[in-house]
Structures are given as C-alpha cells and as structure tokens.
Amino acid sequence: MLQVRKSEERGLANHGWLNSRHTFSFGHYHDPKHTGFGPLLVINEDKVTPAQGFGTHGHRDMEIISYVLEGELAHKDSMGNGSVLKYGDVQRMSAGTGVRHSEFNHSETNGVHFLQIWIQPNVTGIAPSYEEKHFAPDSKVGQLRLVASSDGRDGSVLIHQDAAIYATILNGADAVQHTLAPGRTAYVHVIRGSVSVNGVELKGGDALKVTEEQLLTLARAEAAEVLVFDLPY
C-alpha cells in the first residue's frame, strides 16, 4: 500500500525568523491523520533567518536527528557539546533522562535550511548522548547511503530504535532499490527535486507511506535528494 503525503498539505509555521513545514502534528499544528508513522514522529523542514534560532530548551526520551541542507547550524547543549553543522552533516542527540540545547543560524548574512527528525526510542531513561558525522555528497550519489541505524553500522550515527535512515542523491538514469523485510514499513521523504517511487511521482517536500510492500524502487529522478526510513511495523 502506498499513501502520498503532498508537500503543500504539511503544517505551516511562520514566525518571521523561522519558516517551518511540519510533516506530522507538531506544536500548534495538529492533524489526527498525521501524528507520526510508527516510531517516526517528526519531520520538520526548518528555514531560519541569519543570526536567529531556537533558544535553550529541553528534551527527554527522544532521538533527535538534524540533517543540514544549506547554511550553518550552530548547536550547544548541556552535555558540553558545541559545533557548527553544514551540508552533509548529520547530528544525533539522544535526550534520554533529559538534555537542554540551543540551535542557531551561525551566519549573520545567510539563512540555514535543515530537517529536524524525531524518532521515539525503544528504551527510556538512558543517559543522554550526542553524535555527529559527515556524509559527503559523493557517498549518496546513485546509491542509498545509511546515515542512521540501531547499531551504528557502516559509519552511520546510532539511534536507539529498530530503524534505519538512508540518504540518496539521484538524477537522470540513476535508480536504487531497497528491500523491506517482513514486518517492516518505509517512509520516503523527498527533500528536493523529483523522483518516482514504485511508480508514484513525487516532488520536493512530498512523502510516501509504504506498507505491505517488499521492494522500493526509486527512479526517473531529476536533481533529487531523498531520505528513506526503514521502520518497524
């Protein structure tokens, strides 16, 4: 079964300094038909104006992943971590028993554009932890590059959930396939460009809920960057 989530149907929050599109219910946006997909609870596409951002705030028992698309994202947290993330960087913060952090646009002149992803962990009450890794664009071109997994395999960041996140960059004749094991589902989020997934045409911001399918085929792409979430049913 394939169910499309169109880009323009997402929730919108425009605070002046922040323009955000919410794939799932978040903050003041609530849609009972879109409250998450399995343990995947949040995909927010955030654009932050220069020198602005999210002040220090807290999280608990959540896997929080940032995927930077453009610009520079400055991060500081109560664990003592501080860094500036750029395109290709993936950050994972396991909130566990509690963590406080801030996220700001590091630039005084340019915007920052990133995805913030929340995944419900399969363990609670763990010590908070942090990790960031860089995935060069070449490692994603024409192939599915594992960027997050439950065991940190293949150089991915480790998340506390039986889930995997793959990133790919496709264009022209490029095509990739991903097999779903029994009892698994997938969520495909198109970051930009356009791509066909199992024959369904998608553009930037669109997504596809995939259930009761054994194989995903991504093809007929034009300047596409895509995330594929392999999730428990």
Protein backbone atom coordinates (compact mmCIF):
# COMPACT_ATOMS: atom_id res chain seq x y z
CA MET A 1 0.00 0.00 0.00
CA LEU A 2 1.30 3.44 -0.99
CA GLN A 3 -0.07 6.65 0.54
CA VAL A 4 1.14 10.05 -0.66
CA ARG A 5 1.69 12.99 1.68
CA LYS A 6 1.86 16.12 -0.51
CA SER A 7 4.25 18.92 0.34
CA GLU A 8 1.58 21.61 0.35
CA GLU A 9 -0.58 19.61 2.77
CA ARG A 10 2.03 19.84 5.53
CA GLY A 11 1.54 22.12 8.50
CA LEU A 12 3.00 25.63 8.25
CA ALA A 13 4.54 27.74 10.98
CA ASN A 14 5.89 31.15 10.00
CA HIS A 15 7.32 33.16 12.88
CA GLY A 16 9.28 35.65 10.77
CA TRP A 17 12.69 34.36 11.83
CA LEU A 18 11.52 30.76 11.29
CA ASN A 19 9.61 29.23 8.39
CA SER A 20 8.79 25.60 9.11
CA ARG A 21 6.80 22.90 7.36
CA HIS A 22 5.56 20.06 9.58
CA THR A 23 5.08 16.62 8.04
CA PHE A 24 3.40 15.39 11.24
CA SER A 25 1.44 17.09 14.02
CA PHE A 26 3.75 19.42 15.92
CA GLY A 27 3.29 22.44 18.16
CA HIS A 28 0.13 24.34 17.22
CA TYR A 29 -0.37 22.19 14.12
CA HIS A 30 -2.50 19.13 14.75
CA ASP A 31 -3.87 16.74 12.15
CA PRO A 32 -5.27 13.49 13.58
CA LYS A 33 -4.49 11.77 10.26
CA HIS A 34 -0.82 12.68 10.52
CA THR A 35 0.51 12.16 14.04
CA GLY A 36 3.54 10.08 13.07
CA PHE A 37 4.33 6.87 11.26
CA GLY A 38 5.39 4.10 13.63
CA PRO A 39 8.23 5.48 15.78
CA LEU A 40 8.82 8.34 13.30
CA LEU A 41 7.11 11.28 14.99
CA VAL A 42 8.51 14.47 13.49
CA ILE A 43 9.97 15.70 10.21
CA ASN A 44 10.18 19.48 10.34
CA GLU A 45 11.70 21.35 7.42
CA ASP A 46 13.11 24.49 9.06
CA LYS A 47 14.45 27.65 7.46
CA VAL A 48 15.98 30.12 9.92
CA THR A 49 16.97 33.70 9.11
CA PRO A 50 20.52 34.96 9.81
CA ALA A 51 21.66 35.07 13.45
CA GLN A 52 18.33 33.73 14.73
CA GLY A 53 17.35 30.39 16.20
CA PHE A 54 15.91 28.24 18.95
CA GLY A 55 16.92 29.32 22.45
CA THR A 56 17.86 26.83 25.13
CA HIS A 57 15.09 24.30 25.69
CA GLY A 58 14.75 20.76 26.99
CA HIS A 59 14.00 17.28 25.63
CA ARG A 60 13.53 13.88 27.23
CA ASP A 61 13.39 10.28 25.91
CA MET A 62 13.61 11.19 22.22
CA GLU A 63 16.05 10.53 19.36
CA ILE A 64 16.58 13.88 17.62
CA ILE A 65 18.33 13.93 14.25
CA SER A 66 19.32 17.07 12.33
CA TYR A 67 20.09 16.82 8.60
CA VAL A 68 21.57 20.07 7.29
CA LEU A 69 20.69 21.08 3.73
CA GLU A 70 22.15 24.55 3.40
CA GLY A 71 23.95 27.08 5.56
CA GLU A 72 25.43 26.67 9.04
CA LEU A 73 23.60 25.39 12.13
CA ALA A 74 25.20 26.12 15.49
CA HIS A 75 24.46 23.67 18.31
CA LYS A 76 25.18 23.85 22.05
CA ASP A 77 23.90 21.51 24.76
CA SER A 78 24.04 20.73 28.46
CA MET A 79 26.38 17.80 27.80
CA GLY A 80 29.09 20.28 26.82
CA ASN A 81 28.85 19.79 23.06
CA GLY A 82 29.20 22.74 20.74
CA SER A 83 29.57 22.62 16.96
CA VAL A 84 28.61 24.18 13.66
CA LEU A 85 26.91 21.81 11.22
CA LYS A 86 27.00 22.24 7.44
CA TYR A 87 25.59 20.45 4.39
CA GLY A 88 26.27 16.73 4.61
CA ASP A 89 26.43 16.73 8.41
CA VAL A 90 24.05 14.53 10.39
CA GLN A 91 23.65 15.11 14.12
CA ARG A 92 22.05 12.67 16.57
CA MET A 93 21.10 13.61 20.11
CA SER A 94 19.57 11.00 22.41
CA ALA A 95 17.73 13.03 25.02
CA GLY A 96 17.34 10.14 27.48
CA THR A 97 16.86 11.30 31.06
CA GLY A 98 16.97 14.90 29.92
CA VAL A 99 19.08 17.36 27.94
CA ARG A 100 18.93 21.07 27.19
CA HIS A 101 20.21 22.57 23.97
CA SER A 102 20.02 25.50 21.59
CA GLU A 103 20.14 25.70 17.80
CA PHE A 104 21.00 28.91 15.97
CA ASN A 105 21.86 30.08 12.50
CA HIS A 106 25.61 30.60 12.75
CA SER A 107 25.67 33.10 9.88
CA GLU A 108 24.99 36.83 10.14
CA THR A 109 24.12 37.04 6.44
CA ASN A 110 22.79 33.73 5.09
CA GLY A 111 19.84 31.53 6.03
CA VAL A 112 20.12 27.97 7.30
CA HIS A 113 17.91 25.16 6.00
CA PHE A 114 17.68 21.80 7.74
CA LEU A 115 15.43 18.90 8.61
CA GLN A 116 14.77 18.07 12.24
CA ILE A 117 13.63 14.48 12.74
CA TRP A 118 12.30 12.93 15.94
CA ILE A 119 12.14 9.19 16.46
CA GLN A 120 10.64 7.60 19.54
CA PRO A 121 13.29 5.41 21.21
CA ASN A 122 12.75 1.78 22.17
CA VAL A 123 14.45 2.40 25.52
CA THR A 124 13.79 5.14 28.06
CA GLY A 125 15.69 6.60 30.97
CA ILE A 126 19.12 6.21 29.35
CA ALA A 127 21.95 8.68 29.79
CA PRO A 128 21.78 11.46 27.19
CA SER A 129 24.35 11.25 24.39
CA TYR A 130 25.44 13.06 21.26
CA GLU A 131 26.99 12.20 17.92
CA GLU A 132 27.63 13.90 14.60
CA LYS A 133 29.09 12.62 11.33
CA HIS A 134 29.68 13.97 7.84
CA PHE A 135 28.38 12.16 4.77
CA ALA A 136 29.93 13.52 1.59
CA PRO A 137 27.52 14.02 -1.32
CA ASP A 138 29.52 11.56 -3.44
CA SER A 139 28.69 8.80 -0.96
CA LYS A 140 24.97 9.30 -1.68
CA VAL A 141 25.02 9.71 -5.46
CA GLY A 142 23.27 6.83 -7.21
CA GLN A 143 23.11 4.73 -4.05
CA LEU A 144 21.40 4.50 -0.67
CA ARG A 145 23.83 5.69 2.00
CA LEU A 146 23.00 4.54 5.52
CA VAL A 147 23.20 7.61 7.78
CA ALA A 148 21.46 6.35 10.96
CA SER A 149 20.86 2.87 12.36
CA SER A 150 20.24 0.92 15.55
CA ASP A 151 23.83 -0.37 15.66
CA GLY A 152 25.86 2.39 14.01
CA ARG A 153 26.91 0.10 11.18
CA ASP A 154 28.66 1.33 8.05
CA GLY A 155 29.70 4.51 9.80
CA SER A 156 26.14 5.70 10.49
CA VAL A 157 25.06 7.53 13.62
CA LEU A 158 23.49 5.29 16.25
CA ILE A 159 19.82 5.68 17.19
CA HIS A 160 18.02 3.85 19.99
CA GLN A 161 15.29 2.33 17.85
CA ASP A 162 15.00 -0.58 15.40
CA ALA A 163 15.05 1.82 12.46
CA ALA A 164 17.39 2.87 9.67
CA ILE A 165 17.65 6.09 7.68
CA TYR A 166 19.15 6.13 4.19
CA ALA A 167 20.00 9.18 2.09
CA THR A 168 20.38 9.24 -1.68
CA ILE A 169 21.04 11.74 -4.45
CA LEU A 170 19.58 10.71 -7.82
CA ASN A 171 19.42 12.22 -11.27
CA GLY A 172 18.63 11.06 -14.80
CA ALA A 173 19.20 7.34 -15.26
CA ASP A 174 20.09 6.78 -11.59
CA ALA A 175 17.93 4.19 -9.85
CA VAL A 176 18.13 2.46 -6.47
CA GLN A 177 16.19 -0.33 -4.79
CA HIS A 178 15.62 -1.20 -1.15
CA THR A 179 14.16 -4.47 0.11
CA LEU A 180 11.83 -4.37 3.09
CA ALA A 181 12.00 -7.37 5.40
CA PRO A 182 8.74 -8.95 6.61
CA GLY A 183 7.06 -6.80 9.22
CA ARG A 184 8.81 -3.61 8.05
CA THR A 185 7.40 -0.40 6.61
CA ALA A 186 9.03 2.57 4.95
CA TYR A 187 8.59 6.31 4.83
CA VAL A 188 10.12 8.09 1.84
CA HIS A 189 10.68 11.85 2.16
CA VAL A 190 11.75 13.83 -0.91
CA ILE A 191 13.97 16.68 0.19
CA ARG A 192 14.25 18.31 -3.23
CA GLY A 193 13.96 17.59 -6.91
CA SER A 194 11.60 14.92 -8.20
CA VAL A 195 11.60 11.12 -8.23
CA SER A 196 9.34 8.15 -8.93
CA VAL A 197 8.92 5.69 -6.05
CA ASN A 198 7.25 2.41 -7.06
CA GLY A 199 5.69 4.31 -9.94
CA VAL A 200 4.40 7.20 -7.80
CA GLU A 201 5.71 10.59 -8.92
CA LEU A 202 6.92 12.78 -6.05
CA LYS A 203 8.45 16.25 -5.84
CA GLY A 204 10.35 18.15 -3.18
CA GLY A 205 8.52 18.11 0.15
CA ASP A 206 6.32 15.18 -0.84
CA ALA A 207 6.45 11.88 1.03
CA LEU A 208 5.19 8.34 0.68
CA LYS A 209 3.96 5.97 3.37
CA VAL A 210 4.79 2.40 2.35
CA THR A 211 3.13 -0.64 3.92
CA GLU A 212 2.78 -4.26 2.80
CA GLU A 213 5.42 -3.86 0.09
CA GLN A 214 8.58 -5.93 -0.32
CA LEU A 215 10.62 -3.71 -2.60
CA LEU A 216 11.14 0.02 -3.04
CA THR A 217 12.34 1.31 -6.39
CA LEU A 218 13.43 4.93 -6.78
CA ALA A 219 13.92 6.01 -10.41
CA ARG A 220 13.23 8.70 -13.03
CA ALA A 221 14.77 11.36 -10.83
CA GLU A 222 15.61 14.97 -11.55
CA ALA A 223 18.12 16.54 -9.16
CA ALA A 224 16.56 14.59 -6.30
CA GLU A 225 17.76 14.19 -2.74
CA VAL A 226 15.71 11.69 -0.75
CA LEU A 227 15.53 10.12 2.71
CA VAL A 228 14.27 6.56 3.11
CA PHE A 229 13.18 5.45 6.60
CA ASP A 230 13.08 1.67 7.18
CA LEU A 231 10.80 1.23 10.20
CA PRO A 232 9.18 -1.44 12.35
CA TYR A 233 5.52 -2.06 11.54
